[in-house]
C-alpha atoms as a PDB file:
ATOM      1  CA  UNK A   1      -6.628  35.191 165.931  1.00  0.00           C
ATOM      2  CA  UNK A   2      -3.819  36.667 163.739  1.00  0.00           C
ATOM      3  CA  UNK A   3      -4.575  39.934 162.076  1.00  0.00           C
ATOM      4  CA  UNK A   4      -2.969  38.428 158.944  1.00  0.00           C
ATOM      5  CA  UNK A   5      -6.104  36.318 158.526  1.00  0.00           C
ATOM      6  CA  UNK A   6      -8.211  39.356 157.914  1.00  0.00           C
ATOM      7  CA  UNK A   7      -9.190  40.534 154.491  1.00  0.00           C
ATOM      8  CA  UNK A   8      -9.678  44.171 153.327  1.00  0.00           C
ATOM      9  CA  UNK A   9     -12.498  45.909 151.475  1.00  0.00           C
ATOM     10  CA  UNK A  10     -12.093  49.550 150.642  1.00  0.00           C
ATOM     11  CA  UNK A  11     -14.942  52.079 150.734  1.00  0.00           C
ATOM     12  CA  UNK A  12     -14.586  55.738 150.142  1.00  0.00           C
ATOM     13  CA  UNK A  13     -10.808  55.216 150.571  1.00  0.00           C
ATOM     14  CA  UNK A  14     -11.017  53.659 153.908  1.00  0.00           C
ATOM     15  CA  UNK A  15     -10.216  49.970 154.782  1.00  0.00           C
ATOM     16  CA  UNK A  16     -12.787  47.784 156.359  1.00  0.00           C
ATOM     17  CA  UNK A  17     -11.120  44.618 157.787  1.00  0.00           C
ATOM     18  CA  UNK A  18     -13.075  41.413 158.127  1.00  0.00           C
ATOM     19  CA  UNK A  19     -12.644  37.707 158.707  1.00  0.00           C
ATOM     20  CA  UNK A  20     -14.156  35.356 156.035  1.00  0.00           C
ATOM     21  CA  UNK A  21     -13.776  31.677 156.869  1.00  0.00           C
ATOM     22  CA  UNK A  22     -15.545  28.418 156.153  1.00  0.00           C
ATOM     23  CA  UNK A  23     -18.377  27.600 153.696  1.00  0.00           C
ATOM     24  CA  UNK A  24     -21.910  26.462 153.738  1.00  0.00           C
ATOM     25  CA  UNK A  25     -25.372  27.891 154.017  1.00  0.00           C
ATOM     26  CA  UNK A  26     -26.736  29.870 155.606  1.00  0.00           C
ATOM     27  CA  UNK A  27     -23.864  32.197 155.917  1.00  0.00           C
ATOM     28  CA  UNK A  28     -23.353  34.019 159.249  1.00  0.00           C
ATOM     29  CA  UNK A  29     -22.550  37.708 159.707  1.00  0.00           C
ATOM     30  CA  UNK A  30     -21.183  38.648 163.099  1.00  0.00           C
ATOM     31  CA  UNK A  31     -21.300  42.283 164.069  1.00  0.00           C
ATOM     32  CA  UNK A  32     -19.508  43.237 167.387  1.00  0.00           C
ATOM     33  CA  UNK A  33     -20.450  45.788 169.940  1.00  0.00           C
ATOM     34  CA  UNK A  34     -19.238  49.267 171.011  1.00  0.00           C
ATOM     35  CA  UNK A  35     -15.492  49.495 171.230  1.00  0.00           C
ATOM     36  CA  UNK A  36     -15.041  45.837 170.430  1.00  0.00           C
ATOM     37  CA  UNK A  37     -13.836  43.917 167.294  1.00  0.00           C
ATOM     38  CA  UNK A  38     -14.303  40.553 165.430  1.00  0.00           C
ATOM     39  CA  UNK A  39     -12.385  38.641 168.199  1.00  0.00           C
ATOM     40  CA  UNK A  40     -15.256  39.063 170.562  1.00  0.00           C
ATOM     41  CA  UNK A  41     -16.894  36.329 168.514  1.00  0.00           C
ATOM     42  CA  UNK A  42     -13.995  33.842 168.753  1.00  0.00           C
ATOM     43  CA  UNK A  43     -15.975  30.952 170.239  1.00  0.00           C
ATOM     44  CA  UNK A  44     -18.602  31.353 167.482  1.00  0.00           C
ATOM     45  CA  UNK A  45     -16.126  31.732 164.674  1.00  0.00           C
ATOM     46  CA  UNK A  46     -14.229  28.530 165.593  1.00  0.00           C
ATOM     47  CA  UNK A  47     -17.456  26.604 166.067  1.00  0.00           C
ATOM     48  CA  UNK A  48     -19.646  27.719 163.041  1.00  0.00           C
ATOM     49  CA  UNK A  49     -16.974  28.052 160.397  1.00  0.00           C
ATOM     50  CA  UNK A  50     -16.667  24.271 160.327  1.00  0.00           C
ATOM     51  CA  UNK A  51     -20.036  24.095 158.483  1.00  0.00           C
ATOM     52  CA  UNK A  52     -21.025  27.670 157.501  1.00  0.00           C
ATOM     53  CA  UNK A  53     -19.402  30.611 155.781  1.00  0.00           C
ATOM     54  CA  UNK A  54     -18.606  32.997 158.608  1.00  0.00           C
ATOM     55  CA  UNK A  55     -17.975  36.696 158.176  1.00  0.00           C
ATOM     56  CA  UNK A  56     -16.922  38.738 161.218  1.00  0.00           C
ATOM     57  CA  UNK A  57     -16.301  42.360 160.478  1.00  0.00           C
ATOM     58  CA  UNK A  58     -14.301  45.104 162.302  1.00  0.00           C
ATOM     59  CA  UNK A  59     -16.584  48.090 162.114  1.00  0.00           C
ATOM     60  CA  UNK A  60     -15.120  51.430 160.926  1.00  0.00           C
ATOM     61  CA  UNK A  61     -13.189  52.927 163.785  1.00  0.00           C
ATOM     62  CA  UNK A  62     -12.684  49.555 165.525  1.00  0.00           C
ATOM     63  CA  UNK A  63     -10.181  46.792 165.506  1.00  0.00           C
ATOM     64  CA  UNK A  64      -7.967  46.650 162.441  1.00  0.00           C
ATOM     65  CA  UNK A  65     -10.256  48.811 160.293  1.00  0.00           C
ATOM     66  CA  UNK A  66      -9.336  52.450 159.593  1.00  0.00           C
ATOM     67  CA  UNK A  67     -10.318  55.004 162.116  1.00  0.00           C
ATOM     68  CA  UNK A  68     -10.839  58.304 160.237  1.00  0.00           C
ATOM     69  CA  UNK A  69     -11.585  61.465 162.332  1.00  0.00           C
ATOM     70  CA  UNK A  70     -15.283  61.648 161.775  1.00  0.00           C
ATOM     71  CA  UNK A  71     -18.662  61.139 163.396  1.00  0.00           C
ATOM     72  CA  UNK A  72     -19.512  57.477 163.945  1.00  0.00           C
ATOM     73  CA  UNK A  73     -23.208  56.763 163.606  1.00  0.00           C
ATOM     74  CA  UNK A  74     -25.570  53.791 163.404  1.00  0.00           C
ATOM     75  CA  UNK A  75     -26.638  54.802 159.889  1.00  0.00           C
ATOM     76  CA  UNK A  76     -22.991  55.017 158.815  1.00  0.00           C
ATOM     77  CA  UNK A  77     -22.342  51.444 160.141  1.00  0.00           C
ATOM     78  CA  UNK A  78     -25.397  50.257 158.361  1.00  0.00           C
ATOM     79  CA  UNK A  79     -24.328  51.741 155.070  1.00  0.00           C
ATOM     80  CA  UNK A  80     -20.882  50.065 155.418  1.00  0.00           C
ATOM     81  CA  UNK A  81     -22.407  46.714 156.019  1.00  0.00           C
ATOM     82  CA  UNK A  82     -24.863  47.023 153.164  1.00  0.00           C
ATOM     83  CA  UNK A  83     -22.021  47.899 150.815  1.00  0.00           C
ATOM     84  CA  UNK A  84     -19.924  44.996 152.171  1.00  0.00           C
ATOM     85  CA  UNK A  85     -22.638  42.457 151.349  1.00  0.00           C
ATOM     86  CA  UNK A  86     -22.197  43.366 147.662  1.00  0.00           C
ATOM     87  CA  UNK A  87     -18.488  43.802 147.814  1.00  0.00           C
ATOM     88  CA  UNK A  88     -17.796  40.229 148.973  1.00  0.00           C
ATOM     89  CA  UNK A  89     -20.850  38.458 147.663  1.00  0.00           C
ATOM     90  CA  UNK A  90     -22.445  37.720 150.966  1.00  0.00           C
ATOM     91  CA  UNK A  91     -26.016  36.481 150.281  1.00  0.00           C
ATOM     92  CA  UNK A  92     -28.816  36.451 152.842  1.00  0.00           C
ATOM     93  CA  UNK A  93     -26.803  35.597 155.824  1.00  0.00           C
ATOM     94  CA  UNK A  94     -28.156  35.247 159.435  1.00  0.00           C
ATOM     95  CA  UNK A  95     -26.975  38.589 160.854  1.00  0.00           C
ATOM     96  CA  UNK A  96     -25.824  38.409 164.461  1.00  0.00           C
ATOM     97  CA  UNK A  97     -25.190  41.523 166.548  1.00  0.00           C
ATOM     98  CA  UNK A  98     -23.981  41.982 170.064  1.00  0.00           C
ATOM     99  CA  UNK A  99     -24.817  45.163 171.977  1.00  0.00           C
ATOM    100  CA  UNK A 100     -24.415  48.116 169.570  1.00  0.00           C
ATOM    101  CA  UNK A 101     -23.878  45.586 166.848  1.00  0.00           C
ATOM    102  CA  UNK A 102     -27.491  44.412 167.424  1.00  0.00           C
ATOM    103  CA  UNK A 103     -28.779  48.004 167.047  1.00  0.00           C
ATOM    104  CA  UNK A 104     -26.831  48.120 163.744  1.00  0.00           C
ATOM    105  CA  UNK A 105     -28.419  44.792 162.619  1.00  0.00           C
ATOM    106  CA  UNK A 106     -31.864  45.973 163.559  1.00  0.00           C
ATOM    107  CA  UNK A 107     -31.449  49.067 161.502  1.00  0.00           C
ATOM    108  CA  UNK A 108     -29.848  47.112 158.650  1.00  0.00           C
ATOM    109  CA  UNK A 109     -32.842  44.708 158.299  1.00  0.00           C
ATOM    110  CA  UNK A 110     -35.324  47.496 158.533  1.00  0.00           C
ATOM    111  CA  UNK A 111     -33.634  49.533 155.779  1.00  0.00           C
ATOM    112  CA  UNK A 112     -32.623  46.473 153.670  1.00  0.00           C
ATOM    113  CA  UNK A 113     -35.021  43.641 154.524  1.00  0.00           C
ATOM    114  CA  UNK A 114     -33.946  41.470 151.666  1.00  0.00           C
ATOM    115  CA  UNK A 115     -30.286  41.343 152.636  1.00  0.00           C
ATOM    116  CA  UNK A 116     -30.565  38.962 155.679  1.00  0.00           C
ATOM    117  CA  UNK A 117     -32.676  35.792 156.175  1.00  0.00           C
ATOM    118  CA  UNK A 118     -32.827  36.211 159.980  1.00  0.00           C
ATOM    119  CA  UNK A 119     -31.484  38.381 162.829  1.00  0.00           C
ATOM    120  CA  UNK A 120     -30.118  37.450 166.146  1.00  0.00           C
ATOM    121  CA  UNK A 121     -29.584  40.118 168.822  1.00  0.00           C
ATOM    122  CA  UNK A 122     -27.272  39.517 171.788  1.00  0.00           C
ATOM    123  CA  UNK A 123     -28.109  41.614 174.740  1.00  0.00           C
ATOM    124  CA  UNK A 124     -28.728  44.699 172.555  1.00  0.00           C
ATOM    125  CA  UNK A 125     -30.583  47.853 173.451  1.00  0.00           C
ATOM    126  CA  UNK A 126     -33.478  47.682 171.009  1.00  0.00           C
ATOM    127  CA  UNK A 127     -35.758  50.136 172.806  1.00  0.00           C
ATOM    128  CA  UNK A 128     -35.289  53.481 174.309  1.00  0.00           C
ATOM    129  CA  UNK A 129     -34.618  53.561 178.088  1.00  0.00           C
ATOM    130  CA  UNK A 130     -36.769  55.774 180.235  1.00  0.00           C
ATOM    131  CA  UNK A 131     -36.043  59.022 181.840  1.00  0.00           C
ATOM    132  CA  UNK A 132     -34.490  57.376 184.821  1.00  0.00           C
ATOM    133  CA  UNK A 133     -31.611  56.357 182.505  1.00  0.00           C
ATOM    134  CA  UNK A 134     -30.899  60.032 181.201  1.00  0.00           C
ATOM    135  CA  UNK A 135     -28.719  61.134 184.121  1.00  0.00           C
ATOM    136  CA  UNK A 136     -26.386  58.151 183.573  1.00  0.00           C
ATOM    137  CA  UNK A 137     -26.466  58.732 179.798  1.00  0.00           C
ATOM    138  CA  UNK A 138     -25.451  62.356 180.221  1.00  0.00           C
ATOM    139  CA  UNK A 139     -22.697  61.491 182.726  1.00  0.00           C
ATOM    140  CA  UNK A 140     -21.220  58.898 180.429  1.00  0.00           C
ATOM    141  CA  UNK A 141     -21.340  61.237 177.481  1.00  0.00           C
ATOM    142  CA  UNK A 142     -19.599  63.989 179.324  1.00  0.00           C
ATOM    143  CA  UNK A 143     -16.980  61.733 180.737  1.00  0.00           C
ATOM    144  CA  UNK A 144     -16.108  60.188 177.324  1.00  0.00           C
ATOM    145  CA  UNK A 145     -15.588  63.683 175.938  1.00  0.00           C
ATOM    146  CA  UNK A 146     -13.257  64.490 178.769  1.00  0.00           C
ATOM    147  CA  UNK A 147      -9.436  63.910 178.988  1.00  0.00           C
ATOM    148  CA  UNK A 148     -10.251  61.082 181.434  1.00  0.00           C
ATOM    149  CA  UNK A 149     -12.225  59.207 178.824  1.00  0.00           C
ATOM    150  CA  UNK A 150     -10.378  55.966 179.235  1.00  0.00           C
ATOM    151  CA  UNK A 151     -10.968  55.863 183.049  1.00  0.00           C
ATOM    152  CA  UNK A 152     -14.632  56.685 182.471  1.00  0.00           C
ATOM    153  CA  UNK A 153     -15.019  53.946 179.890  1.00  0.00           C
ATOM    154  CA  UNK A 154     -13.186  51.445 182.125  1.00  0.00           C
ATOM    155  CA  UNK A 155     -15.547  52.196 185.077  1.00  0.00           C
ATOM    156  CA  UNK A 156     -18.634  52.029 182.895  1.00  0.00           C
ATOM    157  CA  UNK A 157     -17.658  48.693 181.398  1.00  0.00           C
ATOM    158  CA  UNK A 158     -16.688  47.165 184.785  1.00  0.00           C
ATOM    159  CA  UNK A 159     -19.754  48.391 186.581  1.00  0.00           C
ATOM    160  CA  UNK A 160     -22.446  47.969 183.959  1.00  0.00           C
ATOM    161  CA  UNK A 161     -21.319  45.233 181.529  1.00  0.00           C
ATOM    162  CA  UNK A 162     -20.145  42.688 184.113  1.00  0.00           C
ATOM    163  CA  UNK A 163     -21.303  41.423 187.424  1.00  0.00           C
ATOM    164  CA  UNK A 164     -19.601  40.013 190.459  1.00  0.00           C
ATOM    165  CA  UNK A 165     -19.870  36.441 189.233  1.00  0.00           C
ATOM    166  CA  UNK A 166     -18.328  37.208 185.863  1.00  0.00           C
ATOM    167  CA  UNK A 167     -14.817  35.797 185.297  1.00  0.00           C
ATOM    168  CA  UNK A 168     -12.319  38.380 186.368  1.00  0.00           C
ATOM    169  CA  UNK A 169      -9.946  37.407 183.586  1.00  0.00           C
ATOM    170  CA  UNK A 170     -12.657  38.163 180.994  1.00  0.00           C
ATOM    171  CA  UNK A 171     -13.500  41.459 182.602  1.00  0.00           C
ATOM    172  CA  UNK A 172      -9.773  42.537 182.644  1.00  0.00           C
ATOM    173  CA  UNK A 173      -9.399  41.437 179.057  1.00  0.00           C
ATOM    174  CA  UNK A 174     -12.442  43.258 177.823  1.00  0.00           C
ATOM    175  CA  UNK A 175     -11.625  46.518 179.640  1.00  0.00           C
ATOM    176  CA  UNK A 176      -8.071  46.507 178.301  1.00  0.00           C
ATOM    177  CA  UNK A 177      -9.329  45.853 174.731  1.00  0.00           C
ATOM    178  CA  UNK A 178     -12.178  48.285 174.662  1.00  0.00           C
ATOM    179  CA  UNK A 179     -10.394  51.276 176.230  1.00  0.00           C
ATOM    180  CA  UNK A 180      -7.841  51.663 173.469  1.00  0.00           C
ATOM    181  CA  UNK A 181     -10.581  52.706 170.974  1.00  0.00           C
ATOM    182  CA  UNK A 182     -10.060  56.215 169.844  1.00  0.00           C
ATOM    183  CA  UNK A 183     -11.909  58.805 171.916  1.00  0.00           C
ATOM    184  CA  UNK A 184     -13.976  60.221 169.048  1.00  0.00           C
ATOM    185  CA  UNK A 185     -15.221  56.687 168.144  1.00  0.00           C
ATOM    186  CA  UNK A 186     -16.083  56.006 171.773  1.00  0.00           C
ATOM    187  CA  UNK A 187     -18.258  59.056 172.396  1.00  0.00           C
ATOM    188  CA  UNK A 188     -19.881  59.629 168.992  1.00  0.00           C
ATOM    189  CA  UNK A 189     -20.950  56.032 168.494  1.00  0.00           C
ATOM    190  CA  UNK A 190     -22.476  55.481 171.895  1.00  0.00           C
ATOM    191  CA  UNK A 191     -24.217  58.922 171.826  1.00  0.00           C
ATOM    192  CA  UNK A 192     -25.678  58.141 168.439  1.00  0.00           C
ATOM    193  CA  UNK A 193     -26.636  54.636 169.398  1.00  0.00           C
ATOM    194  CA  UNK A 194     -29.004  56.048 172.161  1.00  0.00           C
ATOM    195  CA  UNK A 195     -30.801  58.291 169.802  1.00  0.00           C
ATOM    196  CA  UNK A 196     -34.517  57.220 169.709  1.00  0.00           C
ATOM    197  CA  UNK A 197     -34.392  57.092 165.894  1.00  0.00           C
ATOM    198  CA  UNK A 198     -31.981  54.087 166.141  1.00  0.00           C
ATOM    199  CA  UNK A 199     -34.118  52.137 168.791  1.00  0.00           C
ATOM    200  CA  UNK A 200     -37.474  51.917 167.023  1.00  0.00           C
ATOM    201  CA  UNK A 201     -39.987  49.367 168.289  1.00  0.00           C
ATOM    202  CA  UNK A 202     -42.162  47.349 165.929  1.00  0.00           C
ATOM    203  CA  UNK A 203     -42.087  43.920 164.267  1.00  0.00           C
ATOM    204  CA  UNK A 204     -38.910  43.174 162.368  1.00  0.00           C
ATOM    205  CA  UNK A 205     -39.158  42.111 158.645  1.00  0.00           C
ATOM    206  CA  UNK A 206     -37.096  38.937 159.216  1.00  0.00           C
ATOM    207  CA  UNK A 207     -37.345  36.056 161.808  1.00  0.00           C
ATOM    208  CA  UNK A 208     -35.651  37.385 164.959  1.00  0.00           C
ATOM    209  CA  UNK A 209     -34.184  35.984 168.144  1.00  0.00           C
ATOM    210  CA  UNK A 210     -33.024  37.929 171.192  1.00  0.00           C
ATOM    211  CA  UNK A 211     -30.472  36.324 173.477  1.00  0.00           C
ATOM    212  CA  UNK A 212     -30.736  38.365 176.736  1.00  0.00           C
ATOM    213  CA  UNK A 213     -28.301  38.459 179.645  1.00  0.00           C
ATOM    214  CA  UNK A 214     -29.823  38.251 183.100  1.00  0.00           C
ATOM    215  CA  UNK A 215     -28.485  41.714 183.895  1.00  0.00           C
ATOM    216  CA  UNK A 216     -30.282  43.620 181.110  1.00  0.00           C
ATOM    217  CA  UNK A 217     -32.527  46.259 182.523  1.00  0.00           C
ATOM    218  CA  UNK A 218     -35.297  45.371 180.038  1.00  0.00           C
ATOM    219  CA  UNK A 219     -37.445  42.284 180.656  1.00  0.00           C
ATOM    220  CA  UNK A 220     -38.407  39.454 178.289  1.00  0.00           C
ATOM    221  CA  UNK A 221     -41.969  40.747 178.233  1.00  0.00           C
ATOM    222  CA  UNK A 222     -40.823  44.257 177.393  1.00  0.00           C
ATOM    223  CA  UNK A 223     -38.875  43.058 174.475  1.00  0.00           C
ATOM    224  CA  UNK A 224     -41.611  40.837 173.101  1.00  0.00           C
ATOM    225  CA  UNK A 225     -44.071  43.756 173.364  1.00  0.00           C
ATOM    226  CA  UNK A 226     -41.723  46.100 171.663  1.00  0.00           C
ATOM    227  CA  UNK A 227     -40.921  43.758 168.840  1.00  0.00           C
ATOM    228  CA  UNK A 228     -43.889  41.380 168.207  1.00  0.00           C
ATOM    229  CA  UNK A 229     -42.937  38.009 166.861  1.00  0.00           C
ATOM    230  CA  UNK A 230     -39.425  38.099 168.274  1.00  0.00           C
ATOM    231  CA  UNK A 231     -38.212  35.069 170.183  1.00  0.00           C
ATOM    232  CA  UNK A 232     -36.500  35.897 173.484  1.00  0.00           C
ATOM    233  CA  UNK A 233     -34.144  33.706 175.499  1.00  0.00           C
ATOM    234  CA  UNK A 234     -32.315  34.606 178.783  1.00  0.00           C
ATOM    235  CA  UNK A 235     -28.931  33.185 179.854  1.00  0.00           C
ATOM    236  CA  UNK A 236     -27.616  33.475 183.397  1.00  0.00           C
ATOM    237  CA  UNK A 237     -24.698  35.860 182.691  1.00  0.00           C
ATOM    238  CA  UNK A 238     -23.736  39.371 182.178  1.00  0.00           C
ATOM    239  CA  UNK A 239     -23.400  41.537 178.938  1.00  0.00           C
ATOM    240  CA  UNK A 240     -20.812  39.436 177.042  1.00  0.00           C
ATOM    241  CA  UNK A 241     -23.193  36.528 176.571  1.00  0.00           C
ATOM    242  CA  UNK A 242     -21.327  34.941 173.711  1.00  0.00           C
ATOM    243  CA  UNK A 243     -18.080  34.775 175.805  1.00  0.00           C
ATOM    244  CA  UNK A 244     -19.382  34.071 179.316  1.00  0.00           C
ATOM    245  CA  UNK A 245     -21.863  31.377 178.146  1.00  0.00           C
ATOM    246  CA  UNK A 246     -20.330  30.333 174.797  1.00  0.00           C
ATOM    247  CA  UNK A 247     -21.565  26.753 174.691  1.00  0.00           C
ATOM    248  CA  UNK A 248     -25.108  27.648 175.730  1.00  0.00           C
ATOM    249  CA  UNK A 249     -25.178  30.540 173.231  1.00  0.00           C
ATOM    250  CA  UNK A 250     -23.790  28.456 170.400  1.00  0.00           C
ATOM    251  CA  UNK A 251     -26.457  25.849 171.081  1.00  0.00           C
ATOM    252  CA  UNK A 252     -29.237  28.403 170.869  1.00  0.00           C
ATOM    253  CA  UNK A 253     -27.703  29.796 167.684  1.00  0.00           C
ATOM    254  CA  UNK A 254     -27.588  26.276 166.169  1.00  0.00           C
ATOM    255  CA  UNK A 255     -31.312  25.981 166.772  1.00  0.00           C
ATOM    256  CA  UNK A 256     -32.249  29.105 164.893  1.00  0.00           C
ATOM    257  CA  UNK A 257     -29.873  28.137 162.014  1.00  0.00           C
ATOM    258  CA  UNK A 258     -31.771  24.857 161.675  1.00  0.00           C
ATOM    259  CA  UNK A 259     -35.079  26.719 161.611  1.00  0.00           C
ATOM    260  CA  UNK A 260     -34.044  29.101 158.818  1.00  0.00           C
ATOM    261  CA  UNK A 261     -31.956  26.815 156.763  1.00  0.00           C
END
C-alpha cells in the first residue's frame, strides 16, 4: 500500500498520517497495535472500503506519522484519535482495534461514548494480568530500554505473538516491520499500556465484540465477566488474527456491521 495514498492531519505541529478510502455507512476506523501501522489491516481495508468509508490511522510514533521524542501513552493516543474525528469529519464509526489498538479504542469509547457506534477488539489486553505476569513484564521493559532493544522485541514478538503453526513468512514480515519502531515509542507505549488505569473492567458504553486468538492467556468467560454484555468469539490462530485468519475475521466483522447499521 503506497505511502502516497496516505493523507495528513496536523495536530500540535505533528503530522498524523492516515488512509481514508471508500464511502458508505457505518464508517470503520481501524487502529493498529504496538509497533505496527495501518498496513496490518490490509485485508480489511481492501474488503470493506468497497462499501464503507474506511479510515486506518498510523498512530503517533508509528508508520508514516511523526515520531517526536516524547512519552507515548494510551491517553495521548486517545486524544489524537478524538481530535482526528473532528478534523476529518468522521462520524460515529465502528472503531476496531488490534492489540494495543484495542486498549486505545476501549479508553476512547469510555472517555467519549458518543464518538463511536460500536467497538471491536482484536486480541487485546482489556484486563490486568495477574502477578504471575509481572516478571515477564519487568523483563521486557528492561530489555526494551537496553541497547539490545531490537533483539528483545524480536524475541518477544516471535515467542508470544505467534505459535508454531503460524505462517513463517508472516512471522518474519511482522518482526521486520515492528522492530524498526523507535526505541522510545517501543518502551513507553508498552509500559503505559500495562498500567491498570488503562485496563479497566466494566460494561462498555457501546455495543462491543471481542475477537480472541486461541493463544490469548485470558479465557472467553474471563472476558465476558470483566466486560458484561460484550460478545466474544475465538478463532484458531495466534495474535495477528486479522492477518492469519483474514476471511474468517472479515466474516465476523461483517456480522456486527449488519447489526449496528
